[in-house]
Amino acid sequence: MRVDHLPNGQPDTNELEWFLNKAVGEAQWLMTTDWLFTDPPEVEEHGQTVPVLVPEVVAVRLLLSDLEGPVQRVVHDHPVVGIEGRRWRWAAFAAQSNDRGEGRFPWELAHG
């Protein structure tokens, strides 16, 4: 997703977090500030971006909410399967570690 940047060059994720909470709900997304598992979109074409993972059931809601805004943030959608999904689980564990050593997505934690 497209994100503005701070004067120091880092991504300004605060406004994007607000948008994601409004569009799909709190605990319905996972974001990293670095492209860990796939190549990022071209900066020259799309500006600065960050990867955001949402459950498939809310992806359409995110795309529709994005179309309502003056500037579209979603650069493209990408289904996560196989090893990439396991890597995202690792990122989920790194974001919120637990004693069981399981990577659980925020939406899984919110519902059980």
Protein backbone atom coordinates (compact mmCIF):
# COMPACT_ATOMS: atom_id res chain seq x y z
CA MET A 1 0.00 0.00 0.00
CA ARG A 2 1.14 3.52 -0.76
CA VAL A 3 2.31 5.46 2.28
CA ASP A 4 3.59 8.98 2.83
CA HIS A 5 7.04 9.42 4.26
CA LEU A 6 8.37 11.42 7.16
CA PRO A 7 11.07 14.09 6.75
CA ASN A 8 13.66 11.49 7.82
CA GLY A 9 12.61 9.23 4.92
CA GLN A 10 10.87 6.61 7.05
CA PRO A 11 7.30 5.57 6.18
CA ASP A 12 4.58 7.58 7.95
CA THR A 13 2.34 4.71 8.98
CA ASN A 14 0.05 6.58 11.41
CA GLU A 15 -2.41 7.80 8.78
CA LEU A 16 -2.32 4.45 7.00
CA GLU A 17 -3.10 2.66 10.29
CA TRP A 18 -6.09 4.97 10.82
CA PHE A 19 -7.32 4.22 7.28
CA LEU A 20 -6.92 0.45 7.71
CA ASN A 21 -8.77 0.47 11.05
CA LYS A 22 -11.61 2.44 9.48
CA ALA A 23 -11.72 0.40 6.25
CA VAL A 24 -11.44 -3.15 7.59
CA GLY A 25 -11.42 -2.85 11.37
CA GLU A 26 -8.88 -3.08 14.13
CA ALA A 27 -7.01 -6.39 14.38
CA GLN A 28 -7.89 -7.17 10.74
CA TRP A 29 -4.54 -6.35 9.16
CA LEU A 30 -0.81 -6.84 9.58
CA MET A 31 1.75 -4.41 8.20
CA THR A 32 5.52 -4.35 8.05
CA THR A 33 7.56 -1.32 7.14
CA ASP A 34 9.95 -3.37 5.03
CA TRP A 35 9.28 -5.60 2.05
CA LEU A 36 10.48 -8.85 3.56
CA PHE A 37 9.04 -11.55 1.32
CA THR A 38 8.63 -10.11 -2.16
CA ASP A 39 10.05 -7.29 -4.24
CA PRO A 40 8.43 -3.90 -3.62
CA PRO A 41 6.53 -2.04 -6.34
CA GLU A 42 8.56 0.48 -8.30
CA VAL A 43 9.02 3.64 -6.21
CA GLU A 44 9.17 5.82 -9.31
CA GLU A 45 5.74 4.62 -10.40
CA HIS A 46 3.92 4.15 -7.08
CA GLY A 47 5.82 6.17 -4.47
CA GLN A 48 6.82 4.69 -1.13
CA THR A 49 4.89 1.55 -0.22
CA VAL A 50 4.61 -0.93 2.64
CA PRO A 51 3.24 -4.46 2.55
CA VAL A 52 -0.10 -5.02 4.29
CA LEU A 53 -1.70 -8.40 4.85
CA VAL A 54 -5.46 -8.71 5.36
CA PRO A 55 -7.67 -11.78 5.56
CA GLU A 56 -9.23 -12.67 2.23
CA VAL A 57 -12.73 -12.04 3.59
CA VAL A 58 -11.98 -8.33 4.16
CA ALA A 59 -9.79 -7.69 1.11
CA VAL A 60 -12.74 -6.63 -1.05
CA ARG A 61 -13.88 -4.21 1.67
CA LEU A 62 -10.39 -2.71 1.71
CA LEU A 63 -10.33 -2.28 -2.07
CA LEU A 64 -13.78 -0.63 -2.09
CA SER A 65 -12.89 1.71 0.79
CA ASP A 66 -9.72 2.69 -1.02
CA LEU A 67 -11.66 3.64 -4.15
CA GLU A 68 -13.76 6.09 -2.14
CA GLY A 69 -10.74 8.21 -1.15
CA PRO A 70 -9.15 11.02 -3.14
CA VAL A 71 -5.87 9.10 -3.45
CA GLN A 72 -5.75 5.36 -3.91
CA ARG A 73 -3.40 3.58 -1.54
CA VAL A 74 -3.71 0.01 -2.78
CA VAL A 75 -1.02 -0.45 -5.41
CA HIS A 76 -1.95 -4.05 -6.18
CA ASP A 77 -3.28 -7.12 -4.47
CA HIS A 78 -1.28 -10.28 -4.18
CA PRO A 79 -2.62 -13.60 -2.89
CA VAL A 80 -0.36 -15.05 -0.21
CA VAL A 81 0.12 -18.79 -0.51
CA GLY A 82 2.62 -21.45 0.49
CA ILE A 83 5.95 -20.41 1.92
CA GLU A 84 5.08 -16.71 1.79
CA GLY A 85 2.19 -17.37 4.18
CA ARG A 86 4.58 -19.09 6.59
CA ARG A 87 6.91 -16.11 6.36
CA TRP A 88 4.05 -13.77 7.24
CA ARG A 89 3.33 -15.99 10.25
CA TRP A 90 6.92 -15.44 11.30
CA ALA A 91 6.37 -11.66 10.98
CA ALA A 92 3.20 -12.00 13.09
CA PHE A 93 5.19 -13.85 15.76
CA ALA A 94 7.94 -11.21 15.66
CA ALA A 95 5.30 -8.49 16.12
CA GLN A 96 3.62 -10.27 19.04
CA SER A 97 5.60 -13.19 20.39
CA ASN A 98 4.04 -15.74 22.71
CA ASP A 99 5.12 -18.63 24.91
CA ARG A 100 3.80 -21.21 22.45
CA GLY A 101 6.09 -19.96 19.69
CA GLU A 102 3.18 -19.60 17.26
CA GLY A 103 2.78 -16.88 14.69
CA ARG A 104 -0.85 -15.84 14.89
CA PHE A 105 -2.35 -13.08 12.79
CA PRO A 106 -4.11 -10.22 14.59
CA TRP A 107 -7.51 -11.36 13.30
CA GLU A 108 -6.88 -14.85 14.69
CA LEU A 109 -6.00 -13.41 18.10
CA ALA A 110 -9.12 -11.25 18.11
CA HIS A 111 -11.37 -14.28 17.52
CA GLY A 112 -9.93 -16.95 19.69
